[in-house]
Amino acid sequence: MKINIKYFVLTATVFIVLLAKAQDNKYEEFIIKNKIYKPGSSWLKIGEGYGYHFRLQKFEYNTVISYSFRVKDIFLQGGYHVSSDKFFTQHTYQKLNDFYFAAGWRSETIKSNISVFAGPAYAYGGTFDHISYENGKYEKWYRGFNQLGLYACADYTFKIFYDLGFGVSLYGSINKYYNVTGLQIHLYFSGAFKGEIK
């Protein structure tokens, strides 16, 4: 069956325009108990969890802080993620730091926020390389790295209030030396509250 390209492009364009018109009011403010909220607003996420380091086949602690925002109908997220054999405030040579910027999708209701993001990451840190035996004792050697990688996360948030909640996140970080995936418990703080009706 031969596809008419012009007809396909015209149909797709009409569909997109109609869909955009139908969604013009999806970010209009609304009221809950005399409080004004705006859907699609920016939000801050702070998460802590446990992940698996594939190369070393060990579990690690992880922490993330991210800020998500909307530009028209496109959701973007910037954040910092750290994974290590010790809690992030303790010194260790075994650590992955990710500064990432991602694009994603979001579905928001009064009681939940679901989002998925993925994008490039600037990854740096150190990871275990090998053990040497010298002068009667073993010594661990670590490899430093500094490179581009990929970071992705999927979040489910239960909202206690429209602009405050908690939830669970599934994440993954990939680069040449340090690949991890895991789960996090997170707090959700939204900028949706716009004021009160007196």
N, C-alpha and C. Protein backbone atom coordinates (compact mmCIF):
# COMPACT_ATOMS: atom_id res chain seq x y z
N MET A 1 0.83 -1.18 0.00
CA MET A 1 0.00 0.00 0.00
C MET A 1 0.88 1.25 0.00
N LYS A 2 0.63 2.14 -0.93
CA LYS A 2 1.43 3.35 -1.06
C LYS A 2 0.82 4.45 -0.19
N ILE A 3 1.67 5.12 0.61
CA ILE A 3 1.20 6.19 1.50
C ILE A 3 1.43 7.53 0.82
N ASN A 4 0.39 8.34 0.80
CA ASN A 4 0.49 9.68 0.25
C ASN A 4 1.09 10.58 1.33
N ILE A 5 2.32 11.03 1.16
CA ILE A 5 3.05 11.81 2.17
C ILE A 5 2.33 13.14 2.46
N LYS A 6 1.87 13.83 1.41
CA LYS A 6 1.19 15.11 1.62
C LYS A 6 -0.06 14.93 2.46
N TYR A 7 -0.84 13.89 2.17
CA TYR A 7 -2.06 13.63 2.92
C TYR A 7 -1.73 13.29 4.38
N PHE A 8 -0.70 12.51 4.60
CA PHE A 8 -0.29 12.15 5.95
C PHE A 8 0.15 13.38 6.75
N VAL A 9 0.98 14.24 6.15
CA VAL A 9 1.47 15.45 6.82
C VAL A 9 0.30 16.38 7.14
N LEU A 10 -0.63 16.56 6.20
CA LEU A 10 -1.79 17.41 6.42
C LEU A 10 -2.66 16.88 7.56
N THR A 11 -2.92 15.59 7.57
CA THR A 11 -3.73 14.97 8.62
C THR A 11 -3.05 15.10 9.98
N ALA A 12 -1.75 14.84 10.04
CA ALA A 12 -1.01 14.95 11.30
C ALA A 12 -1.02 16.39 11.82
N THR A 13 -0.86 17.37 10.92
CA THR A 13 -0.87 18.78 11.30
C THR A 13 -2.22 19.18 11.88
N VAL A 14 -3.30 18.80 11.21
CA VAL A 14 -4.66 19.11 11.70
C VAL A 14 -4.88 18.47 13.07
N PHE A 15 -4.45 17.23 13.23
CA PHE A 15 -4.61 16.53 14.51
C PHE A 15 -3.86 17.25 15.63
N ILE A 16 -2.63 17.66 15.37
CA ILE A 16 -1.82 18.35 16.39
C ILE A 16 -2.44 19.69 16.76
N VAL A 17 -2.92 20.45 15.77
CA VAL A 17 -3.55 21.74 16.04
C VAL A 17 -4.82 21.56 16.88
N LEU A 18 -5.65 20.59 16.52
CA LEU A 18 -6.88 20.34 17.29
C LEU A 18 -6.56 19.88 18.71
N LEU A 19 -5.55 19.05 18.85
CA LEU A 19 -5.14 18.59 20.18
C LEU A 19 -4.63 19.76 21.02
N ALA A 20 -3.85 20.63 20.43
CA ALA A 20 -3.34 21.79 21.15
C ALA A 20 -4.48 22.71 21.58
N LYS A 21 -5.49 22.91 20.70
CA LYS A 21 -6.64 23.74 21.04
C LYS A 21 -7.43 23.12 22.17
N ALA A 22 -7.58 21.80 22.15
CA ALA A 22 -8.35 21.11 23.19
C ALA A 22 -7.65 21.20 24.54
N GLN A 23 -6.33 21.40 24.54
CA GLN A 23 -5.58 21.43 25.79
C GLN A 23 -5.21 22.85 26.22
N ASP A 24 -5.79 23.87 25.57
CA ASP A 24 -5.46 25.25 25.92
C ASP A 24 -5.71 25.57 27.38
N ASN A 25 -6.76 24.97 27.97
CA ASN A 25 -7.12 25.32 29.34
C ASN A 25 -6.60 24.33 30.38
N LYS A 26 -5.74 23.42 30.01
CA LYS A 26 -5.30 22.41 30.98
C LYS A 26 -4.39 22.98 32.07
N TYR A 27 -3.85 24.18 31.88
CA TYR A 27 -3.01 24.79 32.91
C TYR A 27 -3.70 26.00 33.57
N GLU A 28 -5.02 26.09 33.45
CA GLU A 28 -5.75 27.18 34.09
C GLU A 28 -5.83 26.95 35.60
N GLU A 29 -5.78 28.03 36.36
CA GLU A 29 -5.86 27.94 37.81
C GLU A 29 -7.21 27.41 38.26
N PHE A 30 -7.23 26.75 39.42
CA PHE A 30 -8.48 26.25 39.99
C PHE A 30 -8.43 26.42 41.51
N ILE A 31 -9.54 26.18 42.17
CA ILE A 31 -9.67 26.45 43.61
C ILE A 31 -10.01 25.16 44.36
N ILE A 32 -9.29 24.93 45.48
CA ILE A 32 -9.60 23.85 46.42
C ILE A 32 -9.65 24.49 47.81
N LYS A 33 -10.83 24.48 48.43
CA LYS A 33 -11.01 25.02 49.79
C LYS A 33 -10.42 26.43 49.93
N ASN A 34 -10.84 27.32 49.07
CA ASN A 34 -10.42 28.73 49.07
C ASN A 34 -8.94 28.95 48.73
N LYS A 35 -8.24 27.92 48.29
CA LYS A 35 -6.84 28.07 47.90
C LYS A 35 -6.73 27.94 46.38
N ILE A 36 -5.93 28.80 45.79
CA ILE A 36 -5.78 28.84 44.33
C ILE A 36 -4.52 28.05 43.95
N TYR A 37 -4.68 27.13 43.00
CA TYR A 37 -3.56 26.32 42.52
C TYR A 37 -3.47 26.40 41.00
N LYS A 38 -2.26 26.24 40.51
CA LYS A 38 -2.04 26.21 39.06
C LYS A 38 -1.42 24.87 38.68
N PRO A 39 -2.14 24.05 37.89
CA PRO A 39 -1.56 22.77 37.46
C PRO A 39 -0.39 22.98 36.50
N GLY A 40 0.47 21.99 36.42
CA GLY A 40 1.63 22.07 35.53
C GLY A 40 2.76 22.91 36.07
N SER A 41 2.69 23.27 37.37
CA SER A 41 3.71 24.12 37.98
C SER A 41 5.01 23.35 38.23
N SER A 42 6.07 24.11 38.47
CA SER A 42 7.39 23.53 38.76
C SER A 42 7.36 22.80 40.09
N TRP A 43 8.32 21.86 40.29
CA TRP A 43 8.40 21.17 41.56
C TRP A 43 9.84 20.78 41.89
N LEU A 44 10.08 20.65 43.19
CA LEU A 44 11.38 20.24 43.72
C LEU A 44 11.24 18.84 44.30
N LYS A 45 12.23 17.98 44.02
CA LYS A 45 12.23 16.61 44.56
C LYS A 45 13.53 16.38 45.31
N ILE A 46 13.41 15.82 46.51
CA ILE A 46 14.57 15.41 47.29
C ILE A 46 14.38 13.94 47.63
N GLY A 47 15.33 13.08 47.23
CA GLY A 47 15.17 11.65 47.43
C GLY A 47 16.39 10.97 48.00
N GLU A 48 16.15 9.89 48.69
CA GLU A 48 17.22 9.08 49.29
C GLU A 48 16.85 7.62 49.08
N GLY A 49 17.86 6.79 48.76
CA GLY A 49 17.52 5.39 48.53
C GLY A 49 18.72 4.47 48.49
N TYR A 50 18.50 3.34 47.82
CA TYR A 50 19.47 2.27 47.76
C TYR A 50 19.54 1.79 46.32
N GLY A 51 20.76 1.59 45.81
CA GLY A 51 20.92 1.18 44.43
C GLY A 51 21.95 0.06 44.28
N TYR A 52 22.03 -0.48 43.06
CA TYR A 52 22.92 -1.60 42.77
C TYR A 52 23.98 -1.17 41.76
N HIS A 53 25.25 -1.35 42.12
CA HIS A 53 26.39 -1.03 41.26
C HIS A 53 26.70 -2.30 40.45
N PHE A 54 26.46 -2.26 39.14
CA PHE A 54 26.57 -3.47 38.32
C PHE A 54 27.99 -4.00 38.22
N ARG A 55 28.96 -3.11 38.05
CA ARG A 55 30.34 -3.57 37.87
C ARG A 55 30.88 -4.25 39.12
N LEU A 56 30.62 -3.65 40.28
CA LEU A 56 31.12 -4.21 41.54
C LEU A 56 30.17 -5.22 42.15
N GLN A 57 28.95 -5.29 41.63
CA GLN A 57 27.91 -6.20 42.14
C GLN A 57 27.70 -5.98 43.64
N LYS A 58 27.52 -4.70 43.99
CA LYS A 58 27.29 -4.32 45.38
C LYS A 58 26.19 -3.27 45.45
N PHE A 59 25.56 -3.19 46.62
CA PHE A 59 24.53 -2.17 46.85
C PHE A 59 25.17 -0.91 47.40
N GLU A 60 24.57 0.24 47.05
CA GLU A 60 25.11 1.54 47.47
C GLU A 60 23.98 2.47 47.90
N TYR A 61 24.34 3.49 48.66
CA TYR A 61 23.42 4.57 49.01
C TYR A 61 23.33 5.55 47.85
N ASN A 62 22.17 6.19 47.70
CA ASN A 62 22.07 7.23 46.68
C ASN A 62 21.17 8.36 47.16
N THR A 63 21.45 9.54 46.66
CA THR A 63 20.71 10.76 47.00
C THR A 63 20.49 11.55 45.73
N VAL A 64 19.34 12.23 45.63
CA VAL A 64 19.07 13.07 44.47
C VAL A 64 18.34 14.33 44.92
N ILE A 65 18.65 15.42 44.27
CA ILE A 65 17.87 16.65 44.39
C ILE A 65 17.66 17.17 42.98
N SER A 66 16.40 17.46 42.63
CA SER A 66 16.12 17.89 41.26
C SER A 66 15.04 18.96 41.25
N TYR A 67 15.07 19.76 40.21
CA TYR A 67 14.06 20.81 39.99
C TYR A 67 13.48 20.59 38.60
N SER A 68 12.16 20.48 38.54
CA SER A 68 11.47 20.24 37.27
C SER A 68 10.58 21.42 36.93
N PHE A 69 10.52 21.76 35.66
CA PHE A 69 9.73 22.92 35.23
C PHE A 69 9.18 22.68 33.83
N ARG A 70 8.22 23.52 33.46
CA ARG A 70 7.54 23.38 32.18
C ARG A 70 7.85 24.58 31.30
N VAL A 71 8.13 24.32 30.02
CA VAL A 71 8.24 25.35 28.99
C VAL A 71 7.19 25.00 27.94
N LYS A 72 6.08 25.76 27.97
CA LYS A 72 4.89 25.44 27.16
C LYS A 72 4.42 24.04 27.55
N ASP A 73 4.47 23.06 26.65
CA ASP A 73 4.03 21.70 26.99
C ASP A 73 5.19 20.73 27.17
N ILE A 74 6.40 21.26 27.28
CA ILE A 74 7.58 20.41 27.44
C ILE A 74 8.08 20.51 28.88
N PHE A 75 8.25 19.35 29.53
CA PHE A 75 8.76 19.33 30.90
C PHE A 75 10.26 19.04 30.88
N LEU A 76 11.00 19.81 31.67
CA LEU A 76 12.46 19.68 31.76
C LEU A 76 12.84 19.51 33.23
N GLN A 77 13.98 18.87 33.45
CA GLN A 77 14.45 18.64 34.82
C GLN A 77 15.97 18.77 34.87
N GLY A 78 16.45 19.48 35.87
CA GLY A 78 17.87 19.57 36.15
C GLY A 78 18.11 19.06 37.56
N GLY A 79 19.23 18.35 37.76
CA GLY A 79 19.43 17.80 39.09
C GLY A 79 20.84 17.32 39.36
N TYR A 80 21.02 16.93 40.61
CA TYR A 80 22.28 16.34 41.07
C TYR A 80 21.96 15.00 41.72
N HIS A 81 22.70 13.97 41.31
CA HIS A 81 22.54 12.63 41.85
C HIS A 81 23.90 12.12 42.32
N VAL A 82 23.93 11.47 43.47
CA VAL A 82 25.16 10.88 43.97
C VAL A 82 24.89 9.45 44.42
N SER A 83 25.81 8.55 44.08
CA SER A 83 25.74 7.15 44.51
C SER A 83 27.10 6.77 45.07
N SER A 84 27.10 6.08 46.23
CA SER A 84 28.36 5.77 46.89
C SER A 84 28.19 4.60 47.85
N ASP A 85 29.33 4.01 48.23
CA ASP A 85 29.29 2.92 49.21
C ASP A 85 29.04 3.44 50.62
N LYS A 86 29.13 4.77 50.80
CA LYS A 86 28.84 5.40 52.09
C LYS A 86 27.83 6.52 51.90
N PHE A 87 27.18 6.92 52.99
CA PHE A 87 26.25 8.04 52.91
C PHE A 87 26.98 9.26 52.37
N PHE A 88 26.28 10.11 51.57
CA PHE A 88 26.96 11.15 50.79
C PHE A 88 27.76 12.16 51.61
N THR A 89 27.49 12.27 52.90
CA THR A 89 28.26 13.22 53.72
C THR A 89 29.59 12.65 54.19
N GLN A 90 29.81 11.34 54.00
CA GLN A 90 31.05 10.70 54.45
C GLN A 90 32.05 10.61 53.30
N HIS A 91 33.33 10.72 53.63
CA HIS A 91 34.38 10.67 52.61
C HIS A 91 34.62 9.24 52.13
N THR A 92 34.72 9.09 50.82
CA THR A 92 35.04 7.80 50.20
C THR A 92 35.56 8.05 48.79
N TYR A 93 36.38 7.11 48.29
CA TYR A 93 36.85 7.19 46.91
C TYR A 93 35.88 6.52 45.93
N GLN A 94 34.91 5.79 46.48
CA GLN A 94 33.93 5.06 45.66
C GLN A 94 32.67 5.92 45.56
N LYS A 95 32.61 6.77 44.52
CA LYS A 95 31.48 7.70 44.44
C LYS A 95 31.23 8.14 43.00
N LEU A 96 29.94 8.20 42.65
CA LEU A 96 29.49 8.73 41.37
C LEU A 96 28.73 10.03 41.63
N ASN A 97 29.09 11.09 40.93
CA ASN A 97 28.36 12.36 40.96
C ASN A 97 27.80 12.60 39.57
N ASP A 98 26.52 12.86 39.47
CA ASP A 98 25.87 13.19 38.19
C ASP A 98 25.23 14.56 38.29
N PHE A 99 25.61 15.46 37.39
CA PHE A 99 24.84 16.67 37.15
C PHE A 99 24.13 16.44 35.82
N TYR A 100 22.81 16.46 35.84
CA TYR A 100 22.09 16.06 34.63
C TYR A 100 21.02 17.07 34.24
N PHE A 101 20.65 17.03 32.96
CA PHE A 101 19.56 17.84 32.43
C PHE A 101 18.74 16.94 31.53
N ALA A 102 17.43 16.84 31.80
CA ALA A 102 16.61 15.85 31.12
C ALA A 102 15.29 16.44 30.65
N ALA A 103 14.72 15.81 29.64
CA ALA A 103 13.38 16.13 29.17
C ALA A 103 12.47 14.97 29.56
N GLY A 104 11.17 15.27 29.70
CA GLY A 104 10.30 14.19 30.15
C GLY A 104 8.83 14.42 29.96
N TRP A 105 8.07 13.55 30.60
CA TRP A 105 6.62 13.50 30.52
C TRP A 105 6.06 13.55 31.93
N ARG A 106 4.89 14.19 32.08
CA ARG A 106 4.26 14.31 33.40
C ARG A 106 2.75 14.13 33.29
N SER A 107 2.18 13.41 34.26
CA SER A 107 0.74 13.28 34.41
C SER A 107 0.40 13.66 35.84
N GLU A 108 -0.46 14.68 35.98
CA GLU A 108 -0.75 15.22 37.31
C GLU A 108 -2.25 15.21 37.58
N THR A 109 -2.62 14.74 38.78
CA THR A 109 -3.99 14.82 39.24
C THR A 109 -4.00 15.50 40.61
N ILE A 110 -5.16 15.63 41.20
CA ILE A 110 -5.25 16.26 42.52
C ILE A 110 -4.48 15.46 43.56
N LYS A 111 -4.45 14.13 43.44
CA LYS A 111 -3.81 13.28 44.46
C LYS A 111 -2.52 12.62 44.03
N SER A 112 -2.06 12.81 42.79
CA SER A 112 -0.83 12.14 42.36
C SER A 112 -0.07 12.95 41.33
N ASN A 113 1.21 12.64 41.22
CA ASN A 113 2.07 13.20 40.18
C ASN A 113 2.95 12.06 39.67
N ILE A 114 2.87 11.79 38.38
CA ILE A 114 3.68 10.73 37.77
C ILE A 114 4.55 11.39 36.70
N SER A 115 5.85 11.07 36.71
CA SER A 115 6.74 11.67 35.72
C SER A 115 7.85 10.70 35.33
N VAL A 116 8.34 10.89 34.12
CA VAL A 116 9.46 10.11 33.58
C VAL A 116 10.39 11.10 32.88
N PHE A 117 11.70 11.04 33.22
CA PHE A 117 12.68 11.94 32.62
C PHE A 117 13.92 11.15 32.21
N ALA A 118 14.58 11.61 31.15
CA ALA A 118 15.86 11.02 30.73
C ALA A 118 16.66 12.09 29.99
N GLY A 119 17.99 12.03 30.18
CA GLY A 119 18.83 12.99 29.49
C GLY A 119 20.30 12.82 29.81
N PRO A 120 21.14 13.65 29.20
CA PRO A 120 22.59 13.53 29.39
C PRO A 120 23.01 13.98 30.79
N ALA A 121 24.12 13.40 31.25
CA ALA A 121 24.66 13.73 32.57
C ALA A 121 26.16 13.95 32.47
N TYR A 122 26.65 14.92 33.23
CA TYR A 122 28.08 15.07 33.41
C TYR A 122 28.44 14.25 34.64
N ALA A 123 29.14 13.15 34.44
CA ALA A 123 29.44 12.20 35.51
C ALA A 123 30.92 12.29 35.89
N TYR A 124 31.19 12.35 37.20
CA TYR A 124 32.57 12.34 37.66
C TYR A 124 32.64 11.66 39.03
N GLY A 125 33.83 11.23 39.39
CA GLY A 125 34.02 10.57 40.68
C GLY A 125 35.14 9.57 40.64
N GLY A 126 34.99 8.50 41.40
CA GLY A 126 35.99 7.45 41.45
C GLY A 126 35.33 6.10 41.67
N THR A 127 35.99 5.05 41.21
CA THR A 127 35.47 3.71 41.40
C THR A 127 36.62 2.73 41.61
N PHE A 128 36.34 1.68 42.31
CA PHE A 128 37.36 0.66 42.58
C PHE A 128 37.91 0.10 41.27
N ASP A 129 39.25 -0.05 41.19
CA ASP A 129 39.89 -0.55 39.97
C ASP A 129 40.53 -1.92 40.18
N HIS A 130 41.39 -2.03 41.20
CA HIS A 130 42.04 -3.32 41.44
C HIS A 130 42.68 -3.33 42.83
N ILE A 131 43.16 -4.52 43.23
CA ILE A 131 43.89 -4.67 44.49
C ILE A 131 45.31 -5.11 44.17
N SER A 132 46.27 -4.47 44.83
CA SER A 132 47.67 -4.89 44.65
C SER A 132 48.21 -5.41 45.99
N TYR A 133 49.24 -6.25 45.88
CA TYR A 133 49.86 -6.81 47.08
C TYR A 133 51.33 -6.41 47.09
N GLU A 134 51.68 -5.54 48.03
CA GLU A 134 53.06 -5.07 48.13
C GLU A 134 53.48 -5.00 49.59
N ASN A 135 54.74 -5.37 49.83
CA ASN A 135 55.32 -5.30 51.18
C ASN A 135 54.45 -5.99 52.23
N GLY A 136 53.88 -7.12 51.85
CA GLY A 136 53.12 -7.93 52.80
C GLY A 136 51.72 -7.44 53.11
N LYS A 137 51.19 -6.48 52.32
CA LYS A 137 49.81 -6.06 52.59
C LYS A 137 49.09 -5.73 51.28
N TYR A 138 47.77 -5.85 51.35
CA TYR A 138 46.91 -5.55 50.21
C TYR A 138 46.54 -4.07 50.20
N GLU A 139 46.46 -3.52 48.99
CA GLU A 139 46.07 -2.12 48.87
C GLU A 139 45.05 -1.98 47.74
N LYS A 140 43.97 -1.23 48.02
CA LYS A 140 42.94 -0.99 47.01
C LYS A 140 43.34 0.22 46.16
N TRP A 141 43.11 0.10 44.86
CA TRP A 141 43.37 1.19 43.93
C TRP A 141 42.06 1.63 43.29
N TYR A 142 41.89 2.94 43.16
CA TYR A 142 40.67 3.49 42.59
C TYR A 142 40.99 4.26 41.31
N ARG A 143 40.04 4.26 40.39
CA ARG A 143 40.18 4.97 39.12
C ARG A 143 39.27 6.20 39.15
N GLY A 144 39.83 7.36 38.88
CA GLY A 144 39.03 8.57 38.74
C GLY A 144 38.45 8.66 37.34
N PHE A 145 37.29 9.27 37.21
CA PHE A 145 36.69 9.43 35.88
C PHE A 145 35.98 10.78 35.81
N ASN A 146 35.77 11.21 34.57
CA ASN A 146 35.18 12.51 34.29
C ASN A 146 34.66 12.44 32.87
N GLN A 147 33.35 12.25 32.68
CA GLN A 147 32.84 11.98 31.34
C GLN A 147 31.34 12.20 31.24
N LEU A 148 30.82 12.07 30.04
CA LEU A 148 29.38 12.16 29.81
C LEU A 148 28.72 10.81 30.05
N GLY A 149 27.50 10.85 30.52
CA GLY A 149 26.71 9.65 30.74
C GLY A 149 25.26 9.92 30.46
N LEU A 150 24.39 9.04 30.96
CA LEU A 150 22.95 9.15 30.78
C LEU A 150 22.28 8.91 32.12
N TYR A 151 21.32 9.75 32.46
CA TYR A 151 20.55 9.59 33.69
C TYR A 151 19.07 9.53 33.35
N ALA A 152 18.33 8.64 34.01
CA ALA A 152 16.89 8.53 33.79
C ALA A 152 16.20 8.21 35.11
N CYS A 153 14.96 8.69 35.25
CA CYS A 153 14.20 8.40 36.46
C CYS A 153 12.71 8.38 36.15
N ALA A 154 11.98 7.59 36.93
CA ALA A 154 10.52 7.52 36.87
C ALA A 154 10.01 7.68 38.30
N ASP A 155 9.08 8.62 38.49
CA ASP A 155 8.58 8.95 39.83
C ASP A 155 7.08 8.73 39.93
N TYR A 156 6.66 8.22 41.09
CA TYR A 156 5.24 8.24 41.45
C TYR A 156 5.13 8.97 42.79
N THR A 157 4.32 10.02 42.84
CA THR A 157 4.16 10.82 44.05
C THR A 157 2.70 10.80 44.48
N PHE A 158 2.48 10.50 45.76
CA PHE A 158 1.17 10.65 46.37
C PHE A 158 1.12 12.02 47.04
N LYS A 159 0.11 12.82 46.70
CA LYS A 159 0.03 14.18 47.23
C LYS A 159 -0.80 14.20 48.52
N ILE A 160 -0.19 14.68 49.58
CA ILE A 160 -0.91 14.91 50.84
C ILE A 160 -1.80 16.14 50.66
N PHE A 161 -1.21 17.19 50.09
CA PHE A 161 -1.92 18.38 49.62
C PHE A 161 -1.61 18.50 48.14
N TYR A 162 -2.26 19.42 47.45
CA TYR A 162 -2.02 19.52 46.01
C TYR A 162 -0.56 19.83 45.71
N ASP A 163 0.11 20.57 46.61
CA ASP A 163 1.48 21.00 46.34
C ASP A 163 2.53 20.36 47.24
N LEU A 164 2.18 19.31 47.96
CA LEU A 164 3.11 18.63 48.87
C LEU A 164 2.83 17.14 48.88
N GLY A 165 3.89 16.32 48.75
CA GLY A 165 3.67 14.88 48.75
C GLY A 165 4.94 14.09 48.97
N PHE A 166 4.80 12.78 48.87
CA PHE A 166 5.95 11.87 48.99
C PHE A 166 5.71 10.72 48.03
N GLY A 167 6.78 10.00 47.70
CA GLY A 167 6.60 8.92 46.74
C GLY A 167 7.83 8.07 46.57
N VAL A 168 7.83 7.30 45.49
CA VAL A 168 8.92 6.38 45.19
C VAL A 168 9.45 6.67 43.78
N SER A 169 10.76 6.53 43.62
CA SER A 169 11.41 6.77 42.34
C SER A 169 12.25 5.56 41.94
N LEU A 170 12.24 5.26 40.66
CA LEU A 170 13.14 4.27 40.06
C LEU A 170 14.10 5.04 39.19
N TYR A 171 15.41 4.80 39.34
CA TYR A 171 16.38 5.59 38.58
C TYR A 171 17.47 4.69 38.00
N GLY A 172 18.19 5.22 37.04
CA GLY A 172 19.36 4.55 36.48
C GLY A 172 20.35 5.58 35.98
N SER A 173 21.64 5.29 36.16
CA SER A 173 22.71 6.16 35.68
C SER A 173 23.74 5.28 34.96
N ILE A 174 24.06 5.68 33.74
CA ILE A 174 24.96 4.87 32.91
C ILE A 174 26.12 5.72 32.42
N ASN A 175 27.33 5.22 32.59
CA ASN A 175 28.50 5.80 31.94
C ASN A 175 29.54 4.68 31.79
N LYS A 176 30.71 5.00 31.30
CA LYS A 176 31.69 3.96 30.98
C LYS A 176 32.16 3.18 32.20
N TYR A 177 32.28 3.83 33.37
CA TYR A 177 32.88 3.18 34.53
C TYR A 177 31.93 2.88 35.68
N TYR A 178 30.77 3.51 35.69
CA TYR A 178 29.95 3.45 36.90
C TYR A 178 28.48 3.37 36.51
N ASN A 179 27.91 2.17 36.51
CA ASN A 179 26.51 1.97 36.14
C ASN A 179 25.72 1.52 37.36
N VAL A 180 24.68 2.29 37.70
CA VAL A 180 23.87 1.98 38.88
C VAL A 180 22.38 2.13 38.55
N THR A 181 21.57 1.38 39.28
CA THR A 181 20.12 1.55 39.23
C THR A 181 19.58 1.28 40.62
N GLY A 182 18.43 1.86 40.94
CA GLY A 182 17.92 1.65 42.28
C GLY A 182 16.59 2.31 42.52
N LEU A 183 16.19 2.30 43.79
CA LEU A 183 14.93 2.87 44.25
C LEU A 183 15.21 3.97 45.27
N GLN A 184 14.33 4.95 45.29
CA GLN A 184 14.44 6.05 46.25
C GLN A 184 13.06 6.38 46.81
N ILE A 185 13.05 6.85 48.04
CA ILE A 185 11.86 7.47 48.62
C ILE A 185 12.09 8.98 48.49
N HIS A 186 11.09 9.70 48.02
CA HIS A 186 11.31 11.14 47.80
C HIS A 186 10.21 12.00 48.42
N LEU A 187 10.56 13.27 48.64
CA LEU A 187 9.62 14.31 49.03
C LEU A 187 9.39 15.21 47.82
N TYR A 188 8.16 15.71 47.70
CA TYR A 188 7.73 16.50 46.54
C TYR A 188 7.20 17.84 47.03
N PHE A 189 7.77 18.93 46.50
CA PHE A 189 7.35 20.28 46.86
C PHE A 189 7.03 21.03 45.56
N SER A 190 5.77 21.38 45.36
CA SER A 190 5.35 22.02 44.13
C SER A 190 5.13 23.52 44.34
N GLY A 191 5.32 24.28 43.27
CA GLY A 191 5.04 25.71 43.28
C GLY A 191 3.65 26.03 42.82
N ALA A 192 2.70 25.09 42.96
CA ALA A 192 1.35 25.25 42.42
C ALA A 192 0.49 26.24 43.20
N PHE A 193 0.78 26.45 44.48
CA PHE A 193 -0.05 27.33 45.31
C PHE A 193 0.17 28.78 44.89
N LYS A 194 -0.94 29.47 44.56
CA LYS A 194 -0.85 30.85 44.05
C LYS A 194 -1.52 31.87 44.96
N GLY A 195 -2.18 31.44 46.01
CA GLY A 195 -2.82 32.39 46.92
C GLY A 195 -4.13 31.86 47.48
N GLU A 196 -4.78 32.70 48.28
CA GLU A 196 -6.06 32.32 48.89
C GLU A 196 -7.13 33.32 48.54
N ILE A 197 -8.37 32.84 48.51
CA ILE A 197 -9.52 33.71 48.33
C ILE A 197 -9.97 34.15 49.71
N LYS A 198 -9.97 35.44 49.96
CA LYS A 198 -10.35 35.97 51.29
C LYS A 198 -11.85 36.08 51.40
